[in-house]
C-alpha atoms as a PDB file:
ATOM      1  CA  MET A   1     -59.668  22.770 -47.059  1.00  0.00           C
ATOM      2  CA  LEU A   2     -61.680  19.981 -48.664  1.00  0.00           C
ATOM      3  CA  GLU A   3     -59.935  20.584 -51.968  1.00  0.00           C
ATOM      4  CA  ILE A   4     -56.514  20.315 -50.313  1.00  0.00           C
ATOM      5  CA  ILE A   5     -57.517  16.954 -48.858  1.00  0.00           C
ATOM      6  CA  VAL A   6     -58.849  15.750 -52.225  1.00  0.00           C
ATOM      7  CA  ARG A   7     -55.634  16.835 -53.982  1.00  0.00           C
ATOM      8  CA  GLY A   8     -53.555  15.060 -51.339  1.00  0.00           C
ATOM      9  CA  LEU A   9     -55.415  11.776 -51.773  1.00  0.00           C
ATOM     10  CA  ALA A  10     -55.976  11.807 -55.537  1.00  0.00           C
ATOM     11  CA  PRO A  11     -52.559  10.488 -56.603  1.00  0.00           C
ATOM     12  CA  TYR A  12     -53.129   7.381 -54.494  1.00  0.00           C
ATOM     13  CA  VAL A  13     -56.819   6.547 -54.963  1.00  0.00           C
ATOM     14  CA  GLY A  14     -57.770   8.578 -58.037  1.00  0.00           C
ATOM     15  CA  GLY A  15     -59.505  11.916 -58.279  1.00  0.00           C
ATOM     16  CA  ASN A  16     -63.062  10.614 -58.351  1.00  0.00           C
ATOM     17  CA  MET A  17     -62.562   8.258 -55.406  1.00  0.00           C
ATOM     18  CA  ALA A  18     -60.773  10.966 -53.413  1.00  0.00           C
ATOM     19  CA  ARG A  19     -63.547  13.510 -54.021  1.00  0.00           C
ATOM     20  CA  ALA A  20     -66.328  11.019 -53.280  1.00  0.00           C
ATOM     21  CA  ALA A  21     -64.675   9.842 -50.065  1.00  0.00           C
ATOM     22  CA  VAL A  22     -63.916  13.347 -48.789  1.00  0.00           C
ATOM     23  CA  GLU A  23     -67.337  14.747 -49.626  1.00  0.00           C
ATOM     24  CA  GLY A  24     -69.174  11.665 -48.345  1.00  0.00           C
ATOM     25  CA  HIS A  25     -67.351  11.544 -45.028  1.00  0.00           C
ATOM     26  CA  ALA A  26     -67.618  15.319 -44.583  1.00  0.00           C
ATOM     27  CA  HIS A  27     -71.366  15.047 -45.085  1.00  0.00           C
ATOM     28  CA  LYS A  28     -71.652  12.164 -42.592  1.00  0.00           C
ATOM     29  CA  LEU A  29     -69.704  14.227 -40.055  1.00  0.00           C
ATOM     30  CA  GLY A  30     -71.972  17.217 -40.617  1.00  0.00           C
ATOM     31  CA  LEU A  31     -69.143  19.334 -42.013  1.00  0.00           C
ATOM     32  CA  ARG A  32     -70.353  21.955 -44.471  1.00  0.00           C
ATOM     33  CA  GLY A  33     -68.514  24.247 -46.837  1.00  0.00           C
ATOM     34  CA  SER A  34     -65.041  24.043 -48.233  1.00  0.00           C
ATOM     35  CA  GLU A  35     -63.453  25.794 -45.250  1.00  0.00           C
ATOM     36  CA  LEU A  36     -63.127  23.628 -42.153  1.00  0.00           C
ATOM     37  CA  ASP A  37     -61.946  24.577 -38.707  1.00  0.00           C
ATOM     38  CA  PRO A  38     -59.007  22.569 -37.310  1.00  0.00           C
ATOM     39  CA  SER A  39     -61.261  20.163 -35.406  1.00  0.00           C
ATOM     40  CA  GLY A  40     -63.230  19.477 -38.590  1.00  0.00           C
ATOM     41  CA  VAL A  41     -60.043  18.746 -40.513  1.00  0.00           C
ATOM     42  CA  ASP A  42     -58.863  16.401 -37.763  1.00  0.00           C
ATOM     43  CA  ALA A  43     -62.193  14.579 -37.633  1.00  0.00           C
ATOM     44  CA  LEU A  44     -62.313  14.184 -41.409  1.00  0.00           C
ATOM     45  CA  LEU A  45     -58.739  12.926 -41.729  1.00  0.00           C
ATOM     46  CA  ASP A  46     -59.246  10.542 -38.803  1.00  0.00           C
ATOM     47  CA  THR A  47     -62.371   9.175 -40.486  1.00  0.00           C
ATOM     48  CA  LEU A  48     -60.674   8.765 -43.870  1.00  0.00           C
ATOM     49  CA  SER A  49     -57.546   7.062 -42.520  1.00  0.00           C
ATOM     50  CA  PRO A  50     -58.898   3.523 -41.919  1.00  0.00           C
ATOM     51  CA  GLY A  51     -60.137   3.279 -45.504  1.00  0.00           C
ATOM     52  CA  LEU A  52     -56.802   4.520 -46.812  1.00  0.00           C
ATOM     53  CA  HIS A  53     -55.031   1.753 -44.910  1.00  0.00           C
ATOM     54  CA  VAL A  54     -56.768  -0.745 -47.193  1.00  0.00           C
ATOM     55  CA  PHE A  55     -55.625   0.972 -50.384  1.00  0.00           C
ATOM     56  CA  ILE A  56     -52.135   2.196 -49.536  1.00  0.00           C
ATOM     57  CA  GLY A  57     -51.122   0.696 -46.201  1.00  0.00           C
ATOM     58  CA  ARG A  58     -50.792   2.139 -42.732  1.00  0.00           C
ATOM     59  CA  GLU A  59     -47.324   3.702 -43.075  1.00  0.00           C
ATOM     60  CA  LYS A  60     -48.130   5.477 -46.346  1.00  0.00           C
ATOM     61  CA  THR A  61     -51.441   6.681 -44.883  1.00  0.00           C
ATOM     62  CA  VAL A  62     -49.640   8.240 -41.915  1.00  0.00           C
ATOM     63  CA  GLN A  63     -47.227   9.967 -44.290  1.00  0.00           C
ATOM     64  CA  ILE A  64     -49.955  11.280 -46.603  1.00  0.00           C
ATOM     65  CA  VAL A  65     -52.146  12.520 -43.748  1.00  0.00           C
ATOM     66  CA  ALA A  66     -49.147  14.335 -42.244  1.00  0.00           C
ATOM     67  CA  GLU A  67     -48.450  15.971 -45.614  1.00  0.00           C
ATOM     68  CA  ILE A  68     -52.086  17.041 -45.945  1.00  0.00           C
ATOM     69  CA  ARG A  69     -52.058  18.499 -42.421  1.00  0.00           C
ATOM     70  CA  ALA A  70     -48.864  20.443 -43.228  1.00  0.00           C
ATOM     71  CA  THR A  71     -50.342  21.779 -46.465  1.00  0.00           C
ATOM     72  CA  ILE A  72     -53.494  22.915 -44.641  1.00  0.00           C
ATOM     73  CA  ALA A  73     -51.428  24.558 -41.884  1.00  0.00           C
ATOM     74  CA  ALA A  74     -49.374  26.408 -44.492  1.00  0.00           C
ATOM     75  CA  ALA A  75     -52.532  27.536 -46.302  1.00  0.00           C
ATOM     76  CA  ARG A  76     -53.964  28.861 -43.048  1.00  0.00           C
ATOM     77  CA  GLY A  77     -50.721  30.709 -42.358  1.00  0.00           C
ATOM     78  CA  ARG A  78     -50.951  32.551 -45.681  1.00  0.00           C
ATOM     79  CA  ARG A  79     -54.233  34.185 -44.721  1.00  0.00           C
END
């Protein structure tokens, strides 16, 4: 799931920044491993959102986070 989040953010903040932000916030939240349960995904995206507002604005952040959530839901449905 972390990789899906990184891929969703990378076009807007760059690959390195996306990876650093996702991994750093996941670590701060105590989230381990690439597979997150739904509450972990929600917590991580909620934590990342305020920083994204600075880079891409509130409306675009809402759109991107919704797209990431949909991609994660689809990935979970394929299992």
